Amino acid sequence: MINSKEFTGRLQKVIDFYSESASSFAEKIGVQRSSISHILSGRNKPSLDFVMKVLHSYPEVELYWLMNGKGKFPNQPNTSESPPPQTTEAKTKPQTPEPNPTPQIEFQSKAGSKSDSEIDKIVIFYKDGTFKSYKP
């Protein structure tokens, strides 16, 4: 669960960083001015749709930083690592994703011991606001 006061502070930092007014910020992300006002005043909590619009309009904003202050802002790409080069096979052969892959993931607790819990569902959120849900 997010802390509304801290979220409001981080949202204000984003608005200030881009030298936006609340009105211009609302216009850029596609929400009503009153939505920004209500969130900044603490009257309303941000919806998932609101957060996704901020992330879509401002790619330098990192989700985890905005939601709970972990990470950094502005998020800058790591320039020391370059993406791996594609092979010729990858360039010529179109890749089709599996219809519903079941990822095999092993989790460990912070203490290092294996967890006996089973995965119920995995949800992946995309920047365009869509998501996919996987059940093992």
C-alpha atoms as a PDB file:
ATOM      1  CA  MET A   1       0.000   0.000   0.000  1.00  0.00           C
ATOM      2  CA  ILE A   2       1.341   3.433  -0.881  1.00  0.00           C
ATOM      3  CA  ASN A   3       1.692   6.356   1.498  1.00  0.00           C
ATOM      4  CA  SER A   4      -0.464   9.111  -0.014  1.00  0.00           C
ATOM      5  CA  LYS A   5       1.532  12.009   1.451  1.00  0.00           C
ATOM      6  CA  GLU A   6       4.813  10.624   0.150  1.00  0.00           C
ATOM      7  CA  PHE A   7       3.262   9.824  -3.248  1.00  0.00           C
ATOM      8  CA  THR A   8       1.977  13.403  -3.422  1.00  0.00           C
ATOM      9  CA  GLY A   9       5.479  14.708  -2.701  1.00  0.00           C
ATOM     10  CA  ARG A  10       6.972  12.556  -5.453  1.00  0.00           C
ATOM     11  CA  LEU A  11       4.259  13.606  -7.910  1.00  0.00           C
ATOM     12  CA  GLN A  12       4.950  17.258  -7.075  1.00  0.00           C
ATOM     13  CA  LYS A  13       8.659  16.596  -7.650  1.00  0.00           C
ATOM     14  CA  VAL A  14       7.861  15.263 -11.152  1.00  0.00           C
ATOM     15  CA  ILE A  15       5.707  18.306 -11.919  1.00  0.00           C
ATOM     16  CA  ASP A  16       8.433  20.671 -10.679  1.00  0.00           C
ATOM     17  CA  PHE A  17      11.216  18.776 -12.482  1.00  0.00           C
ATOM     18  CA  TYR A  18       9.508  19.341 -15.833  1.00  0.00           C
ATOM     19  CA  SER A  19       8.571  22.942 -14.905  1.00  0.00           C
ATOM     20  CA  GLU A  20       4.911  22.150 -15.461  1.00  0.00           C
ATOM     21  CA  SER A  21       1.917  23.739 -13.845  1.00  0.00           C
ATOM     22  CA  ALA A  22      -0.739  21.402 -12.489  1.00  0.00           C
ATOM     23  CA  SER A  23      -2.917  22.352 -15.467  1.00  0.00           C
ATOM     24  CA  SER A  24      -0.263  21.663 -18.099  1.00  0.00           C
ATOM     25  CA  PHE A  25       0.699  18.414 -16.354  1.00  0.00           C
ATOM     26  CA  ALA A  26      -2.941  17.295 -16.331  1.00  0.00           C
ATOM     27  CA  GLU A  27      -3.270  18.156 -20.018  1.00  0.00           C
ATOM     28  CA  LYS A  28      -0.091  16.293 -20.938  1.00  0.00           C
ATOM     29  CA  ILE A  29      -1.103  13.052 -19.194  1.00  0.00           C
ATOM     30  CA  GLY A  30      -4.727  13.354 -20.306  1.00  0.00           C
ATOM     31  CA  VAL A  31      -6.637  13.856 -17.060  1.00  0.00           C
ATOM     32  CA  GLN A  32      -8.806  16.650 -15.705  1.00  0.00           C
ATOM     33  CA  ARG A  33      -7.118  19.455 -13.775  1.00  0.00           C
ATOM     34  CA  SER A  34      -9.289  18.631 -10.776  1.00  0.00           C
ATOM     35  CA  SER A  35      -7.808  15.108 -10.652  1.00  0.00           C
ATOM     36  CA  ILE A  36      -4.338  16.565 -10.118  1.00  0.00           C
ATOM     37  CA  SER A  37      -5.648  19.040  -7.565  1.00  0.00           C
ATOM     38  CA  HIS A  38      -7.468  16.334  -5.593  1.00  0.00           C
ATOM     39  CA  ILE A  39      -4.450  14.018  -5.563  1.00  0.00           C
ATOM     40  CA  LEU A  40      -2.033  16.798  -4.565  1.00  0.00           C
ATOM     41  CA  SER A  41      -4.351  17.939  -1.774  1.00  0.00           C
ATOM     42  CA  GLY A  42      -4.710  14.388  -0.450  1.00  0.00           C
ATOM     43  CA  ARG A  43      -8.458  14.293  -1.089  1.00  0.00           C
ATOM     44  CA  ASN A  44      -8.184  11.407  -3.577  1.00  0.00           C
ATOM     45  CA  LYS A  45      -5.713   8.584  -4.031  1.00  0.00           C
ATOM     46  CA  PRO A  46      -4.227   7.997  -7.494  1.00  0.00           C
ATOM     47  CA  SER A  47      -5.810   5.262  -9.593  1.00  0.00           C
ATOM     48  CA  LEU A  48      -3.820   2.690 -11.540  1.00  0.00           C
ATOM     49  CA  ASP A  49      -4.960   4.445 -14.724  1.00  0.00           C
ATOM     50  CA  PHE A  50      -3.564   7.756 -13.426  1.00  0.00           C
ATOM     51  CA  VAL A  51      -0.196   6.191 -12.539  1.00  0.00           C
ATOM     52  CA  MET A  52       0.035   4.478 -15.948  1.00  0.00           C
ATOM     53  CA  LYS A  53      -0.682   7.793 -17.714  1.00  0.00           C
ATOM     54  CA  VAL A  54       2.133   9.476 -15.780  1.00  0.00           C
ATOM     55  CA  LEU A  55       4.554   6.660 -16.655  1.00  0.00           C
ATOM     56  CA  HIS A  56       3.512   6.709 -20.314  1.00  0.00           C
ATOM     57  CA  SER A  57       3.881  10.494 -20.657  1.00  0.00           C
ATOM     58  CA  TYR A  58       7.102  10.749 -18.642  1.00  0.00           C
ATOM     59  CA  PRO A  59       9.347   7.735 -19.335  1.00  0.00           C
ATOM     60  CA  GLU A  60      12.014   9.048 -16.956  1.00  0.00           C
ATOM     61  CA  VAL A  61       9.647   8.366 -14.048  1.00  0.00           C
ATOM     62  CA  GLU A  62      10.254   4.920 -12.568  1.00  0.00           C
ATOM     63  CA  LEU A  63       7.186   3.003 -11.316  1.00  0.00           C
ATOM     64  CA  TYR A  64       8.690   1.852  -8.027  1.00  0.00           C
ATOM     65  CA  TRP A  65      10.068   5.282  -7.261  1.00  0.00           C
ATOM     66  CA  LEU A  66       6.697   6.930  -7.916  1.00  0.00           C
ATOM     67  CA  MET A  67       4.736   4.367  -5.914  1.00  0.00           C
ATOM     68  CA  ASN A  68       6.959   3.836  -2.886  1.00  0.00           C
ATOM     69  CA  GLY A  69      10.105   5.945  -3.199  1.00  0.00           C
ATOM     70  CA  LYS A  70      12.438   3.074  -4.105  1.00  0.00           C
ATOM     71  CA  GLY A  71      14.688   3.639  -7.071  1.00  0.00           C
ATOM     72  CA  LYS A  72      15.658   6.987  -8.489  1.00  0.00           C
ATOM     73  CA  PHE A  73      14.258   9.932 -10.372  1.00  0.00           C
ATOM     74  CA  PRO A  74      14.885  10.846 -13.076  1.00  0.00           C
ATOM     75  CA  ASN A  75      15.537   7.331 -14.294  1.00  0.00           C
ATOM     76  CA  GLN A  76      18.465   7.476 -16.684  1.00  0.00           C
ATOM     77  CA  PRO A  77      19.426   4.579 -18.908  1.00  0.00           C
ATOM     78  CA  ASN A  78      22.614   2.766 -17.960  1.00  0.00           C
ATOM     79  CA  THR A  79      25.138   3.970 -20.533  1.00  0.00           C
ATOM     80  CA  SER A  80      27.884   1.549 -19.468  1.00  0.00           C
ATOM     81  CA  GLU A  81      26.036  -1.455 -20.864  1.00  0.00           C
ATOM     82  CA  SER A  82      24.933  -1.736 -24.431  1.00  0.00           C
ATOM     83  CA  PRO A  83      22.191  -4.106 -25.542  1.00  0.00           C
ATOM     84  CA  PRO A  84      23.451  -7.406 -26.921  1.00  0.00           C
ATOM     85  CA  PRO A  85      23.765  -7.455 -30.709  1.00  0.00           C
ATOM     86  CA  GLN A  86      21.130  -9.412 -32.586  1.00  0.00           C
ATOM     87  CA  THR A  87      22.210 -12.355 -34.637  1.00  0.00           C
ATOM     88  CA  THR A  88      21.301 -12.549 -38.303  1.00  0.00           C
ATOM     89  CA  GLU A  89      18.867 -15.326 -37.514  1.00  0.00           C
ATOM     90  CA  ALA A  90      16.990 -13.083 -35.094  1.00  0.00           C
ATOM     91  CA  LYS A  91      16.807 -10.342 -37.725  1.00  0.00           C
ATOM     92  CA  THR A  92      15.442 -12.515 -40.509  1.00  0.00           C
ATOM     93  CA  LYS A  93      13.235 -14.939 -38.609  1.00  0.00           C
ATOM     94  CA  PRO A  94      10.121 -13.329 -37.121  1.00  0.00           C
ATOM     95  CA  GLN A  95       9.655 -14.333 -33.548  1.00  0.00           C
ATOM     96  CA  THR A  96       6.232 -15.461 -32.413  1.00  0.00           C
ATOM     97  CA  PRO A  97       5.546 -15.621 -28.700  1.00  0.00           C
ATOM     98  CA  GLU A  98       4.195 -18.789 -27.156  1.00  0.00           C
ATOM     99  CA  PRO A  99       0.421 -18.633 -26.778  1.00  0.00           C
ATOM    100  CA  ASN A 100       0.475 -18.912 -22.983  1.00  0.00           C
ATOM    101  CA  PRO A 101       3.922 -19.745 -21.617  1.00  0.00           C
ATOM    102  CA  THR A 102       4.199 -20.895 -18.031  1.00  0.00           C
ATOM    103  CA  PRO A 103       7.341 -19.357 -16.587  1.00  0.00           C
ATOM    104  CA  GLN A 104       9.381 -21.525 -14.238  1.00  0.00           C
ATOM    105  CA  ILE A 105      10.505 -19.254 -11.408  1.00  0.00           C
ATOM    106  CA  GLU A 106      12.169 -20.250  -8.167  1.00  0.00           C
ATOM    107  CA  PHE A 107      11.742 -17.887  -5.232  1.00  0.00           C
ATOM    108  CA  GLN A 108      13.872 -17.675  -2.135  1.00  0.00           C
ATOM    109  CA  SER A 109      13.186 -15.791   1.049  1.00  0.00           C
ATOM    110  CA  LYS A 110      15.532 -13.038   2.188  1.00  0.00           C
ATOM    111  CA  ALA A 111      17.129 -15.471   4.641  1.00  0.00           C
ATOM    112  CA  GLY A 112      18.100 -17.695   1.713  1.00  0.00           C
ATOM    113  CA  SER A 113      15.861 -20.657   2.473  1.00  0.00           C
ATOM    114  CA  LYS A 114      13.498 -21.937  -0.203  1.00  0.00           C
ATOM    115  CA  SER A 115       9.855 -21.056   0.181  1.00  0.00           C
ATOM    116  CA  ASP A 116       7.301 -23.863   0.226  1.00  0.00           C
ATOM    117  CA  SER A 117       4.653 -21.514  -1.166  1.00  0.00           C
ATOM    118  CA  GLU A 118       3.207 -22.181  -4.604  1.00  0.00           C
ATOM    119  CA  ILE A 119       2.582 -19.486  -7.179  1.00  0.00           C
ATOM    120  CA  ASP A 120      -1.101 -18.793  -7.722  1.00  0.00           C
ATOM    121  CA  LYS A 121      -0.871 -16.176 -10.460  1.00  0.00           C
ATOM    122  CA  ILE A 122       1.692 -13.943 -12.183  1.00  0.00           C
ATOM    123  CA  VAL A 123       0.585 -10.604 -13.624  1.00  0.00           C
ATOM    124  CA  ILE A 124       2.769  -8.603 -16.013  1.00  0.00           C
ATOM    125  CA  PHE A 125       1.914  -4.928 -16.532  1.00  0.00           C
ATOM    126  CA  TYR A 126       2.937  -3.212 -19.765  1.00  0.00           C
ATOM    127  CA  LYS A 127       3.648   0.502 -20.209  1.00  0.00           C
ATOM    128  CA  ASP A 128       0.635   0.900 -22.510  1.00  0.00           C
ATOM    129  CA  GLY A 129      -1.680   0.040 -19.609  1.00  0.00           C
ATOM    130  CA  THR A 130      -2.395  -3.535 -20.675  1.00  0.00           C
ATOM    131  CA  PHE A 131      -1.503  -6.616 -18.705  1.00  0.00           C
ATOM    132  CA  LYS A 132      -1.280 -10.395 -19.010  1.00  0.00           C
ATOM    133  CA  SER A 133      -2.104 -12.862 -16.311  1.00  0.00           C
ATOM    134  CA  TYR A 134      -0.522 -16.317 -16.102  1.00  0.00           C
ATOM    135  CA  LYS A 135      -1.682 -19.231 -13.964  1.00  0.00           C
ATOM    136  CA  PRO A 136       0.618 -22.236 -13.608  1.00  0.00           C
END
